[in-house]
Amino acid sequence: METKLSAALSLTILLGCCLASSALSLPTEVKTNEIESADQSSQDRRATWLETRTLEENLKELVYLSIQELISEGRINPEVVVDKVPVKRGRHQGFCFKKTKSGRFLPYICWKGEDDHDE
């Protein structure tokens, strides 16, 4: 009798655990307004010294202004600062295509550049 009672009790506990775990795993409705307000409040509470989104732009501007100031003081030669982007010079490797007898194109690596002839 005791074994039947303990087996029934074990089965009841197991069934209860299964039922509880399935009930807890059901998704609940979350309002989008609550999510958006939570995101807004977390951004409002964010410390200003943690703000790194514009750090790169600020650094570039600071370096540029510092160089301009050094040029105006005569500490740096103005020819050092180049306003235009250097032009890519020389030849470079690229893909060329050969047409096969069957009409397909076969890619191969070739040199391209100033005179654009294939080697």
PDB file of N, CA and C in Angstrom:
ATOM      1  N   MET A   1       0.817  -1.192   0.000  1.00  0.00           N
ATOM      2  CA  MET A   1       0.000   0.000   0.000  1.00  0.00           C
ATOM      3  C   MET A   1       0.862   1.257   0.000  1.00  0.00           C
ATOM      4  N   GLU A   2       1.947   1.179   0.772  1.00  0.00           N
ATOM      5  CA  GLU A   2       2.828   2.323   0.853  1.00  0.00           C
ATOM      6  C   GLU A   2       3.512   2.600  -0.482  1.00  0.00           C
ATOM      7  N   THR A   3       3.863   1.587  -1.217  1.00  0.00           N
ATOM      8  CA  THR A   3       4.514   1.762  -2.510  1.00  0.00           C
ATOM      9  C   THR A   3       3.555   2.393  -3.522  1.00  0.00           C
ATOM     10  N   LYS A   4       2.278   1.996  -3.458  1.00  0.00           N
ATOM     11  CA  LYS A   4       1.286   2.591  -4.351  1.00  0.00           C
ATOM     12  C   LYS A   4       1.088   4.065  -4.017  1.00  0.00           C
ATOM     13  N   LEU A   5       1.105   4.364  -2.740  1.00  0.00           N
ATOM     14  CA  LEU A   5       0.926   5.750  -2.297  1.00  0.00           C
ATOM     15  C   LEU A   5       2.136   6.597  -2.705  1.00  0.00           C
ATOM     16  N   SER A   6       3.339   6.077  -2.537  1.00  0.00           N
ATOM     17  CA  SER A   6       4.536   6.837  -2.916  1.00  0.00           C
ATOM     18  C   SER A   6       4.621   6.974  -4.443  1.00  0.00           C
ATOM     19  N   ALA A   7       4.198   5.945  -5.173  1.00  0.00           N
ATOM     20  CA  ALA A   7       4.192   6.030  -6.627  1.00  0.00           C
ATOM     21  C   ALA A   7       3.182   7.068  -7.093  1.00  0.00           C
ATOM     22  N   ALA A   8       2.007   7.091  -6.474  1.00  0.00           N
ATOM     23  CA  ALA A   8       0.982   8.069  -6.818  1.00  0.00           C
ATOM     24  C   ALA A   8       1.447   9.477  -6.472  1.00  0.00           C
ATOM     25  N   LEU A   9       2.107   9.610  -5.327  1.00  0.00           N
ATOM     26  CA  LEU A   9       2.627  10.915  -4.915  1.00  0.00           C
ATOM     27  C   LEU A   9       3.720  11.384  -5.872  1.00  0.00           C
ATOM     28  N   SER A  10       4.609  10.485  -6.266  1.00  0.00           N
ATOM     29  CA  SER A  10       5.672  10.824  -7.216  1.00  0.00           C
ATOM     30  C   SER A  10       5.079  11.216  -8.562  1.00  0.00           C
ATOM     31  N   LEU A  11       4.087  10.478  -9.009  1.00  0.00           N
ATOM     32  CA  LEU A  11       3.419  10.788 -10.269  1.00  0.00           C
ATOM     33  C   LEU A  11       2.721  12.135 -10.201  1.00  0.00           C
ATOM     34  N   THR A  12       2.104  12.439  -9.079  1.00  0.00           N
ATOM     35  CA  THR A  12       1.421  13.719  -8.892  1.00  0.00           C
ATOM     36  C   THR A  12       2.430  14.870  -8.911  1.00  0.00           C
ATOM     37  N   ILE A  13       3.558  14.680  -8.246  1.00  0.00           N
ATOM     38  CA  ILE A  13       4.591  15.732  -8.226  1.00  0.00           C
ATOM     39  C   ILE A  13       5.161  15.936  -9.625  1.00  0.00           C
ATOM     40  N   LEU A  14       5.431  14.844 -10.331  1.00  0.00           N
ATOM     41  CA  LEU A  14       5.953  14.929 -11.683  1.00  0.00           C
ATOM     42  C   LEU A  14       4.958  15.620 -12.609  1.00  0.00           C
ATOM     43  N   LEU A  15       3.701  15.252 -12.512  1.00  0.00           N
ATOM     44  CA  LEU A  15       2.656  15.881 -13.318  1.00  0.00           C
ATOM     45  C   LEU A  15       2.521  17.363 -12.986  1.00  0.00           C
ATOM     46  N   GLY A  16       2.624  17.705 -11.711  1.00  0.00           N
ATOM     47  CA  GLY A  16       2.553  19.111 -11.293  1.00  0.00           C
ATOM     48  C   GLY A  16       3.720  19.922 -11.835  1.00  0.00           C
ATOM     49  N   CYS A  17       4.915  19.325 -11.802  1.00  0.00           N
ATOM     50  CA  CYS A  17       6.101  20.019 -12.341  1.00  0.00           C
ATOM     51  C   CYS A  17       5.955  20.230 -13.846  1.00  0.00           C
ATOM     52  N   CYS A  18       5.492  19.217 -14.555  1.00  0.00           N
ATOM     53  CA  CYS A  18       5.302  19.340 -15.999  1.00  0.00           C
ATOM     54  C   CYS A  18       4.271  20.414 -16.322  1.00  0.00           C
ATOM     55  N   LEU A  19       3.191  20.426 -15.591  1.00  0.00           N
ATOM     56  CA  LEU A  19       2.143  21.412 -15.801  1.00  0.00           C
ATOM     57  C   LEU A  19       2.648  22.822 -15.489  1.00  0.00           C
ATOM     58  N   ALA A  20       3.390  22.965 -14.400  1.00  0.00           N
ATOM     59  CA  ALA A  20       3.916  24.284 -14.026  1.00  0.00           C
ATOM     60  C   ALA A  20       4.934  24.783 -15.040  1.00  0.00           C
ATOM     61  N   SER A  21       5.804  23.895 -15.528  1.00  0.00           N
ATOM     62  CA  SER A  21       6.814  24.338 -16.491  1.00  0.00           C
ATOM     63  C   SER A  21       6.173  24.733 -17.817  1.00  0.00           C
ATOM     64  N   SER A  22       5.144  24.014 -18.245  1.00  0.00           N
ATOM     65  CA  SER A  22       4.477  24.390 -19.485  1.00  0.00           C
ATOM     66  C   SER A  22       3.687  25.677 -19.327  1.00  0.00           C
ATOM     67  N   ALA A  23       3.115  25.893 -18.151  1.00  0.00           N
ATOM     68  CA  ALA A  23       2.370  27.129 -17.926  1.00  0.00           C
ATOM     69  C   ALA A  23       3.302  28.327 -17.864  1.00  0.00           C
ATOM     70  N   LEU A  24       4.479  28.138 -17.294  1.00  0.00           N
ATOM     71  CA  LEU A  24       5.422  29.248 -17.200  1.00  0.00           C
ATOM     72  C   LEU A  24       6.101  29.557 -18.531  1.00  0.00           C
ATOM     73  N   SER A  25       6.111  28.621 -19.451  1.00  0.00           N
ATOM     74  CA  SER A  25       6.769  28.852 -20.727  1.00  0.00           C
ATOM     75  C   SER A  25       5.864  29.512 -21.764  1.00  0.00           C
ATOM     76  N   LEU A  26       4.604  29.707 -21.455  1.00  0.00           N
ATOM     77  CA  LEU A  26       3.702  30.366 -22.388  1.00  0.00           C
ATOM     78  C   LEU A  26       4.063  31.833 -22.508  1.00  0.00           C
ATOM     79  N   PRO A  27       4.057  32.364 -23.724  1.00  0.00           N
ATOM     80  CA  PRO A  27       4.390  33.781 -23.891  1.00  0.00           C
ATOM     81  C   PRO A  27       3.265  34.656 -23.353  1.00  0.00           C
ATOM     82  N   THR A  28       3.653  35.771 -22.809  1.00  0.00           N
ATOM     83  CA  THR A  28       2.663  36.727 -22.312  1.00  0.00           C
ATOM     84  C   THR A  28       2.670  37.933 -23.228  1.00  0.00           C
ATOM     85  N   GLU A  29       1.580  38.636 -23.240  1.00  0.00           N
ATOM     86  CA  GLU A  29       1.492  39.822 -24.078  1.00  0.00           C
ATOM     87  C   GLU A  29       2.250  40.966 -23.421  1.00  0.00           C
ATOM     88  N   VAL A  30       3.133  41.570 -24.191  1.00  0.00           N
ATOM     89  CA  VAL A  30       3.880  42.718 -23.715  1.00  0.00           C
ATOM     90  C   VAL A  30       3.501  43.882 -24.609  1.00  0.00           C
ATOM     91  N   LYS A  31       3.083  44.937 -24.013  1.00  0.00           N
ATOM     92  CA  LYS A  31       2.689  46.101 -24.786  1.00  0.00           C
ATOM     93  C   LYS A  31       3.925  46.797 -25.333  1.00  0.00           C
ATOM     94  N   THR A  32       3.842  47.229 -26.594  1.00  0.00           N
ATOM     95  CA  THR A  32       4.985  47.886 -27.216  1.00  0.00           C
ATOM     96  C   THR A  32       5.262  49.235 -26.562  1.00  0.00           C
ATOM     97  N   ASN A  33       4.233  49.863 -26.006  1.00  0.00           N
ATOM     98  CA  ASN A  33       4.440  51.146 -25.339  1.00  0.00           C
ATOM     99  C   ASN A  33       5.335  50.979 -24.117  1.00  0.00           C
ATOM    100  N   GLU A  34       5.158  49.864 -23.403  1.00  0.00           N
ATOM    101  CA  GLU A  34       5.989  49.621 -22.231  1.00  0.00           C
ATOM    102  C   GLU A  34       7.438  49.414 -22.633  1.00  0.00           C
ATOM    103  N   ILE A  35       7.660  48.700 -23.744  1.00  0.00           N
ATOM    104  CA  ILE A  35       9.023  48.454 -24.204  1.00  0.00           C
ATOM    105  C   ILE A  35       9.674  49.755 -24.644  1.00  0.00           C
ATOM    106  N   GLU A  36       8.940  50.569 -25.416  1.00  0.00           N
ATOM    107  CA  GLU A  36       9.492  51.826 -25.901  1.00  0.00           C
ATOM    108  C   GLU A  36       9.782  52.777 -24.757  1.00  0.00           C
ATOM    109  N   SER A  37       8.894  52.820 -23.762  1.00  0.00           N
ATOM    110  CA  SER A  37       9.133  53.718 -22.634  1.00  0.00           C
ATOM    111  C   SER A  37      10.315  53.239 -21.806  1.00  0.00           C
ATOM    112  N   ALA A  38      10.513  51.918 -21.719  1.00  0.00           N
ATOM    113  CA  ALA A  38      11.670  51.392 -20.999  1.00  0.00           C
ATOM    114  C   ALA A  38      12.956  51.757 -21.714  1.00  0.00           C
ATOM    115  N   ASP A  39      12.942  51.702 -23.065  1.00  0.00           N
ATOM    116  CA  ASP A  39      14.124  52.081 -23.833  1.00  0.00           C
ATOM    117  C   ASP A  39      14.419  53.573 -23.673  1.00  0.00           C
ATOM    118  N   GLN A  40      13.377  54.394 -23.696  1.00  0.00           N
ATOM    119  CA  GLN A  40      13.560  55.830 -23.551  1.00  0.00           C
ATOM    120  C   GLN A  40      14.118  56.175 -22.179  1.00  0.00           C
ATOM    121  N   SER A  41      13.590  55.533 -21.144  1.00  0.00           N
ATOM    122  CA  SER A  41      14.049  55.861 -19.803  1.00  0.00           C
ATOM    123  C   SER A  41      15.483  55.407 -19.589  1.00  0.00           C
ATOM    124  N   SER A  42      15.889  54.291 -20.207  1.00  0.00           N
ATOM    125  CA  SER A  42      17.276  53.842 -20.055  1.00  0.00           C
ATOM    126  C   SER A  42      18.220  54.786 -20.783  1.00  0.00           C
ATOM    127  N   GLN A  43      17.792  55.359 -21.918  1.00  0.00           N
ATOM    128  CA  GLN A  43      18.635  56.318 -22.622  1.00  0.00           C
ATOM    129  C   GLN A  43      18.701  57.644 -21.879  1.00  0.00           C
ATOM    130  N   ASP A  44      17.613  58.013 -21.201  1.00  0.00           N
ATOM    131  CA  ASP A  44      17.616  59.256 -20.439  1.00  0.00           C
ATOM    132  C   ASP A  44      18.538  59.155 -19.227  1.00  0.00           C
ATOM    133  N   ARG A  45      18.619  57.966 -18.652  1.00  0.00           N
ATOM    134  CA  ARG A  45      19.441  57.772 -17.462  1.00  0.00           C
ATOM    135  C   ARG A  45      20.906  57.518 -17.799  1.00  0.00           C
ATOM    136  N   ARG A  46      21.241  57.357 -19.061  1.00  0.00           N
ATOM    137  CA  ARG A  46      22.614  57.041 -19.449  1.00  0.00           C
ATOM    138  C   ARG A  46      23.533  58.199 -19.114  1.00  0.00           C
ATOM    139  N   ALA A  47      24.660  57.883 -18.519  1.00  0.00           N
ATOM    140  CA  ALA A  47      25.603  58.913 -18.118  1.00  0.00           C
ATOM    141  C   ALA A  47      26.226  59.564 -19.354  1.00  0.00           C
ATOM    142  N   THR A  48      26.456  60.857 -19.274  1.00  0.00           N
ATOM    143  CA  THR A  48      27.000  61.571 -20.428  1.00  0.00           C
ATOM    144  C   THR A  48      28.444  61.189 -20.700  1.00  0.00           C
ATOM    145  N   TRP A  49      29.181  60.794 -19.691  1.00  0.00           N
ATOM    146  CA  TRP A  49      30.573  60.417 -19.924  1.00  0.00           C
ATOM    147  C   TRP A  49      30.684  59.064 -20.607  1.00  0.00           C
ATOM    148  N   LEU A  50      29.579  58.314 -20.712  1.00  0.00           N
ATOM    149  CA  LEU A  50      29.587  57.055 -21.429  1.00  0.00           C
ATOM    150  C   LEU A  50      29.264  57.226 -22.908  1.00  0.00           C
ATOM    151  N   GLU A  51      28.914  58.424 -23.299  1.00  0.00           N
ATOM    152  CA  GLU A  51      28.511  58.681 -24.677  1.00  0.00           C
ATOM    153  C   GLU A  51      29.718  58.619 -25.598  1.00  0.00           C
ATOM    154  N   THR A  52      29.780  57.609 -26.453  1.00  0.00           N
ATOM    155  CA  THR A  52      30.921  57.428 -27.352  1.00  0.00           C
ATOM    156  C   THR A  52      30.497  57.420 -28.813  1.00  0.00           C
ATOM    157  N   ARG A  53      29.278  57.793 -29.089  1.00  0.00           N
ATOM    158  CA  ARG A  53      28.780  57.703 -30.459  1.00  0.00           C
ATOM    159  C   ARG A  53      29.441  58.720 -31.386  1.00  0.00           C
ATOM    160  N   THR A  54      29.741  59.899 -30.890  1.00  0.00           N
ATOM    161  CA  THR A  54      30.340  60.932 -31.728  1.00  0.00           C
ATOM    162  C   THR A  54      31.803  61.159 -31.387  1.00  0.00           C
ATOM    163  N   LEU A  55      32.400  60.223 -30.691  1.00  0.00           N
ATOM    164  CA  LEU A  55      33.777  60.386 -30.241  1.00  0.00           C
ATOM    165  C   LEU A  55      34.754  60.475 -31.408  1.00  0.00           C
ATOM    166  N   GLU A  56      34.567  59.643 -32.427  1.00  0.00           N
ATOM    167  CA  GLU A  56      35.477  59.642 -33.561  1.00  0.00           C
ATOM    168  C   GLU A  56      35.418  60.966 -34.329  1.00  0.00           C
ATOM    169  N   GLU A  57      34.222  61.477 -34.553  1.00  0.00           N
ATOM    170  CA  GLU A  57      34.077  62.748 -35.263  1.00  0.00           C
ATOM    171  C   GLU A  57      34.688  63.891 -34.461  1.00  0.00           C
ATOM    172  N   ASN A  58      34.477  63.878 -33.151  1.00  0.00           N
ATOM    173  CA  ASN A  58      35.045  64.926 -32.307  1.00  0.00           C
ATOM    174  C   ASN A  58      36.569  64.866 -32.319  1.00  0.00           C
ATOM    175  N   LEU A  59      37.130  63.669 -32.298  1.00  0.00           N
ATOM    176  CA  LEU A  59      38.578  63.518 -32.328  1.00  0.00           C
ATOM    177  C   LEU A  59      39.148  64.017 -33.654  1.00  0.00           C
ATOM    178  N   LYS A  60      38.504  63.659 -34.759  1.00  0.00           N
ATOM    179  CA  LYS A  60      38.971  64.139 -36.067  1.00  0.00           C
ATOM    180  C   LYS A  60      38.945  65.664 -36.136  1.00  0.00           C
ATOM    181  N   GLU A  61      37.877  66.250 -35.644  1.00  0.00           N
ATOM    182  CA  GLU A  61      37.761  67.703 -35.674  1.00  0.00           C
ATOM    183  C   GLU A  61      38.819  68.351 -34.792  1.00  0.00           C
ATOM    184  N   LEU A  62      39.074  67.768 -33.618  1.00  0.00           N
ATOM    185  CA  LEU A  62      40.079  68.308 -32.710  1.00  0.00           C
ATOM    186  C   LEU A  62      41.476  68.241 -33.325  1.00  0.00           C
ATOM    187  N   VAL A  63      41.814  67.124 -33.961  1.00  0.00           N
ATOM    188  CA  VAL A  63      43.124  66.982 -34.602  1.00  0.00           C
ATOM    189  C   VAL A  63      43.255  67.984 -35.750  1.00  0.00           C
ATOM    190  N   TYR A  64      42.210  68.117 -36.552  1.00  0.00           N
ATOM    191  CA  TYR A  64      42.250  69.049 -37.680  1.00  0.00           C
ATOM    192  C   TYR A  64      42.436  70.486 -37.197  1.00  0.00           C
ATOM    193  N   LEU A  65      41.692  70.881 -36.168  1.00  0.00           N
ATOM    194  CA  LEU A  65      41.821  72.240 -35.655  1.00  0.00           C
ATOM    195  C   LEU A  65      43.192  72.465 -35.031  1.00  0.00           C
ATOM    196  N   SER A  66      43.738  71.443 -34.380  1.00  0.00           N
ATOM    197  CA  SER A  66      45.074  71.569 -33.794  1.00  0.00           C
ATOM    198  C   SER A  66      46.126  71.750 -34.872  1.00  0.00           C
ATOM    199  N   ILE A  67      46.010  71.003 -35.954  1.00  0.00           N
ATOM    200  CA  ILE A  67      46.963  71.146 -37.058  1.00  0.00           C
ATOM    201  C   ILE A  67      46.840  72.521 -37.689  1.00  0.00           C
ATOM    202  N   GLN A  68      45.624  73.016 -37.876  1.00  0.00           N
ATOM    203  CA  GLN A  68      45.429  74.350 -38.443  1.00  0.00           C
ATOM    204  C   GLN A  68      46.052  75.416 -37.544  1.00  0.00           C
ATOM    205  N   GLU A  69      45.915  75.254 -36.223  1.00  0.00           N
ATOM    206  CA  GLU A  69      46.491  76.213 -35.292  1.00  0.00           C
ATOM    207  C   GLU A  69      48.019  76.178 -35.341  1.00  0.00           C
ATOM    208  N   LEU A  70      48.598  74.989 -35.431  1.00  0.00           N
ATOM    209  CA  LEU A  70      50.053  74.862 -35.533  1.00  0.00           C
ATOM    210  C   LEU A  70      50.577  75.453 -36.838  1.00  0.00           C
ATOM    211  N   ILE A  71      49.813  75.335 -37.912  1.00  0.00           N
ATOM    212  CA  ILE A  71      50.203  75.942 -39.188  1.00  0.00           C
ATOM    213  C   ILE A  71      50.172  77.464 -39.072  1.00  0.00           C
ATOM    214  N   SER A  72      49.128  77.996 -38.424  1.00  0.00           N
ATOM    215  CA  SER A  72      49.032  79.453 -38.284  1.00  0.00           C
ATOM    216  C   SER A  72      50.124  80.007 -37.374  1.00  0.00           C
ATOM    217  N   GLU A  73      50.618  79.216 -36.414  1.00  0.00           N
ATOM    218  CA  GLU A  73      51.714  79.643 -35.549  1.00  0.00           C
ATOM    219  C   GLU A  73      53.068  79.472 -36.227  1.00  0.00           C
ATOM    220  N   GLY A  74      53.108  78.765 -37.337  1.00  0.00           N
ATOM    221  CA  GLY A  74      54.351  78.568 -38.060  1.00  0.00           C
ATOM    222  C   GLY A  74      55.167  77.386 -37.559  1.00  0.00           C
ATOM    223  N   ARG A  75      54.595  76.540 -36.771  1.00  0.00           N
ATOM    224  CA  ARG A  75      55.312  75.379 -36.242  1.00  0.00           C
ATOM    225  C   ARG A  75      55.326  74.207 -37.220  1.00  0.00           C
ATOM    226  N   ILE A  76      54.344  74.158 -38.105  1.00  0.00           N
ATOM    227  CA  ILE A  76      54.260  73.082 -39.097  1.00  0.00           C
ATOM    228  C   ILE A  76      54.253  73.710 -40.483  1.00  0.00           C
ATOM    229  N   ASN A  77      54.955  73.060 -41.403  1.00  0.00           N
ATOM    230  CA  ASN A  77      54.984  73.510 -42.782  1.00  0.00           C
ATOM    231  C   ASN A  77      53.598  73.273 -43.404  1.00  0.00           C
ATOM    232  N   PRO A  78      52.986  74.276 -44.015  1.00  0.00           N
ATOM    233  CA  PRO A  78      51.647  74.107 -44.598  1.00  0.00           C
ATOM    234  C   PRO A  78      51.604  73.103 -45.740  1.00  0.00           C
ATOM    235  N   GLU A  79      52.747  72.810 -46.348  1.00  0.00           N
ATOM    236  CA  GLU A  79      52.766  71.855 -47.445  1.00  0.00           C
ATOM    237  C   GLU A  79      52.567  70.421 -46.959  1.00  0.00           C
ATOM    238  N   VAL A  80      52.728  70.221 -45.650  1.00  0.00           N
ATOM    239  CA  VAL A  80      52.562  68.882 -45.093  1.00  0.00           C
ATOM    240  C   VAL A  80      51.102  68.444 -45.180  1.00  0.00           C
ATOM    241  N   VAL A  81      50.200  69.371 -44.996  1.00  0.00           N
ATOM    242  CA  VAL A  81      48.774  69.053 -45.031  1.00  0.00           C
ATOM    243  C   VAL A  81      48.323  69.031 -46.480  1.00  0.00           C
ATOM    244  N   VAL A  82      47.796  67.885 -46.909  1.00  0.00           N
ATOM    245  CA  VAL A  82      47.333  67.720 -48.286  1.00  0.00           C
ATOM    246  C   VAL A  82      45.817  67.714 -48.265  1.00  0.00           C
ATOM    247  N   ASP A  83      45.217  68.600 -49.068  1.00  0.00           N
ATOM    248  CA  ASP A  83      43.758  68.688 -49.114  1.00  0.00           C
ATOM    249  C   ASP A  83      43.135  67.657 -50.030  1.00  0.00           C
ATOM    250  N   LYS A  84      43.872  67.237 -51.063  1.00  0.00           N
ATOM    251  CA  LYS A  84      43.286  66.300 -52.012  1.00  0.00           C
ATOM    252  C   LYS A  84      43.723  64.870 -51.695  1.00  0.00           C
ATOM    253  N   VAL A  85      42.930  63.937 -52.133  1.00  0.00           N
ATOM    254  CA  VAL A  85      43.211  62.526 -51.930  1.00  0.00           C
ATOM    255  C   VAL A  85      44.273  62.097 -52.930  1.00  0.00           C
ATOM    256  N   PRO A  86      45.290  61.364 -52.484  1.00  0.00           N
ATOM    257  CA  PRO A  86      46.314  60.944 -53.444  1.00  0.00           C
ATOM    258  C   PRO A  86      45.728  60.013 -54.495  1.00  0.00           C
ATOM    259  N   VAL A  87      46.211  60.162 -55.716  1.00  0.00           N
ATOM    260  CA  VAL A  87      45.721  59.375 -56.833  1.00  0.00           C
ATOM    261  C   VAL A  87      46.429  58.032 -56.830  1.00  0.00           C
ATOM    262  N   LYS A  88      45.676  56.994 -57.082  1.00  0.00           N
ATOM    263  CA  LYS A  88      46.257  55.666 -57.151  1.00  0.00           C
ATOM    264  C   LYS A  88      47.122  55.605 -58.407  1.00  0.00           C
ATOM    265  N   ARG A  89      48.364  55.233 -58.215  1.00  0.00           N
ATOM    266  CA  ARG A  89      49.251  55.229 -59.372  1.00  0.00           C
ATOM    267  C   ARG A  89      49.733  53.816 -59.658  1.00  0.00           C
ATOM    268  N   GLY A  90      50.174  53.632 -60.866  1.00  0.00           N
ATOM    269  CA  GLY A  90      50.708  52.343 -61.246  1.00  0.00           C
ATOM    270  C   GLY A  90      49.620  51.377 -61.675  1.00  0.00           C
ATOM    271  N   ARG A  91      50.039  50.156 -61.813  1.00  0.00           N
ATOM    272  CA  ARG A  91      49.126  49.111 -62.281  1.00  0.00           C
ATOM    273  C   ARG A  91      48.657  48.281 -61.102  1.00  0.00           C
ATOM    274  N   HIS A  92      47.573  47.581 -61.305  1.00  0.00           N
ATOM    275  CA  HIS A  92      47.027  46.715 -60.269  1.00  0.00           C
ATOM    276  C   HIS A  92      46.483  45.441 -60.911  1.00  0.00           C
ATOM    277  N   GLN A  93      46.299  44.428 -60.077  1.00  0.00           N
ATOM    278  CA  GLN A  93      45.760  43.179 -60.592  1.00  0.00           C
ATOM    279  C   GLN A  93      44.244  43.235 -60.623  1.00  0.00           C
ATOM    280  N   GLY A  94      43.690  42.655 -61.654  1.00  0.00           N
ATOM    281  CA  GLY A  94      42.244  42.597 -61.790  1.00  0.00           C
ATOM    282  C   GLY A  94      41.857  41.321 -62.502  1.00  0.00           C
ATOM    283  N   PHE A  95      40.592  41.187 -62.828  1.00  0.00           N
ATOM    284  CA  PHE A  95      40.122  40.000 -63.537  1.00  0.00           C
ATOM    285  C   PHE A  95      39.900  40.322 -65.005  1.00  0.00           C
ATOM    286  N   CYS A  96      40.405  39.450 -65.860  1.00  0.00           N
ATOM    287  CA  CYS A  96      40.129  39.509 -67.287  1.00  0.00           C
ATOM    288  C   CYS A  96      39.358  38.238 -67.637  1.00  0.00           C
ATOM    289  N   PHE A  97      38.731  38.220 -68.806  1.00  0.00           N
ATOM    290  CA  PHE A  97      37.934  37.067 -69.200  1.00  0.00           C
ATOM    291  C   PHE A  97      38.332  36.602 -70.588  1.00  0.00           C
ATOM    292  N   LYS A  98      38.454  35.295 -70.718  1.00  0.00           N
ATOM    293  CA  LYS A  98      38.690  34.668 -72.019  1.00  0.00           C
ATOM    294  C   LYS A  98      37.422  33.955 -72.431  1.00  0.00           C
ATOM    295  N   LYS A  99      37.115  34.025 -73.710  1.00  0.00           N
ATOM    296  CA  LYS A  99      35.942  33.318 -74.205  1.00  0.00           C
ATOM    297  C   LYS A  99      36.387  31.946 -74.692  1.00  0.00           C
ATOM    298  N   THR A 100      35.727  30.911 -74.171  1.00  0.00           N
ATOM    299  CA  THR A 100      36.078  29.554 -74.564  1.00  0.00           C
ATOM    300  C   THR A 100      35.370  29.185 -75.864  1.00  0.00           C
ATOM    301  N   LYS A 101      35.712  28.006 -76.406  1.00  0.00           N
ATOM    302  CA  LYS A 101      35.091  27.548 -77.662  1.00  0.00           C
ATOM    303  C   LYS A 101      33.591  27.318 -77.492  1.00  0.00           C
ATOM    304  N   SER A 102      33.183  26.961 -76.264  1.00  0.00           N
ATOM    305  CA  SER A 102      31.759  26.698 -76.032  1.00  0.00           C
ATOM    306  C   SER A 102      30.964  27.986 -75.806  1.00  0.00           C
ATOM    307  N   GLY A 103      31.640  29.137 -75.759  1.00  0.00           N
ATOM    308  CA  GLY A 103      30.931  30.404 -75.598  1.00  0.00           C
ATOM    309  C   GLY A 103      30.887  30.905 -74.167  1.00  0.00           C
ATOM    310  N   ARG A 104      31.484  30.169 -73.258  1.00  0.00           N
ATOM    311  CA  ARG A 104      31.517  30.604 -71.861  1.00  0.00           C
ATOM    312  C   ARG A 104      32.720  31.521 -71.641  1.00  0.00           C
ATOM    313  N   PHE A 105      32.667  32.279 -70.572  1.00  0.00           N
ATOM    314  CA  PHE A 105      33.766  33.167 -70.239  1.00  0.00           C
ATOM    315  C   PHE A 105      34.545  32.585 -69.074  1.00  0.00           C
ATOM    316  N   LEU A 106      35.868  32.534 -69.201  1.00  0.00           N
ATOM    317  CA  LEU A 106      36.747  31.984 -68.191  1.00  0.00           C
ATOM    318  C   LEU A 106      37.529  33.132 -67.554  1.00  0.00           C
ATOM    319  N   PRO A 107      37.347  33.367 -66.247  1.00  0.00           N
ATOM    320  CA  PRO A 107      38.078  34.470 -65.608  1.00  0.00           C
ATOM    321  C   PRO A 107      39.527  34.068 -65.301  1.00  0.00           C
ATOM    322  N   TYR A 108      40.425  35.040 -65.420  1.00  0.00           N
ATOM    323  CA  TYR A 108      41.808  34.843 -65.012  1.00  0.00           C
ATOM    324  C   TYR A 108      42.344  36.176 -64.499  1.00  0.00           C
ATOM    325  N   ILE A 109      43.398  36.094 -63.699  1.00  0.00           N
ATOM    326  CA  ILE A 109      43.972  37.299 -63.105  1.00  0.00           C
ATOM    327  C   ILE A 109      44.947  37.921 -64.109  1.00  0.00           C
ATOM    328  N   CYS A 110      44.831  39.234 -64.291  1.00  0.00           N
ATOM    329  CA  CYS A 110      45.713  39.947 -65.203  1.00  0.00           C
ATOM    330  C   CYS A 110      46.047  41.310 -64.603  1.00  0.00           C
ATOM    331  N   TRP A 111      47.022  41.985 -65.197  1.00  0.00           N
ATOM    332  CA  TRP A 111      47.412  43.321 -64.759  1.00  0.00           C
ATOM    333  C   TRP A 111      46.600  44.368 -65.503  1.00  0.00           C
ATOM    334  N   LYS A 112      46.075  45.346 -64.755  1.00  0.00           N
ATOM    335  CA  LYS A 112      45.339  46.456 -65.349  1.00  0.00           C
ATOM    336  C   LYS A 112      45.967  47.739 -64.861  1.00  0.00           C
ATOM    337  N   GLY A 113      45.739  48.803 -65.557  1.00  0.00           N
ATOM    338  CA  GLY A 113      46.281  50.055 -65.073  1.00  0.00           C
ATOM    339  C   GLY A 113      46.439  51.065 -66.162  1.00  0.00           C
ATOM    340  N   GLU A 114      47.639  51.677 -66.220  1.00  0.00           N
ATOM    341  CA  GLU A 114      47.887  52.830 -67.078  1.00  0.00           C
ATOM    342  C   GLU A 114      47.598  52.568 -68.547  1.00  0.00           C
ATOM    343  N   ASP A 115      48.180  51.478 -69.102  1.00  0.00           N
ATOM    344  CA  ASP A 115      47.930  51.252 -70.529  1.00  0.00           C
ATOM    345  C   ASP A 115      46.867  50.224 -70.812  1.00  0.00           C
ATOM    346  N   ASP A 116      46.434  49.522 -69.770  1.00  0.00           N
ATOM    347  CA  ASP A 116      45.345  48.516 -69.860  1.00  0.00           C
ATOM    348  C   ASP A 116      45.595  47.432 -70.885  1.00  0.00           C
ATOM    349  N   HIS A 117      46.852  46.996 -71.115  1.00  0.00           N
ATOM    350  CA  HIS A 117      46.977  45.787 -71.903  1.00  0.00           C
ATOM    351  C   HIS A 117      47.214  44.617 -70.992  1.00  0.00           C
ATOM    352  N   ASP A 118      46.737  43.487 -71.496  1.00  0.00           N
ATOM    353  CA  ASP A 118      46.887  42.244 -70.746  1.00  0.00           C
ATOM    354  C   ASP A 118      48.257  41.661 -71.034  1.00  0.00           C
ATOM    355  N   GLU A 119      48.802  40.990 -70.030  1.00  0.00           N
ATOM    356  CA  GLU A 119      50.075  40.297 -70.223  1.00  0.00           C
ATOM    357  C   GLU A 119      49.833  38.833 -70.359  1.00  0.00           C
TER     358      GLU A 119
END
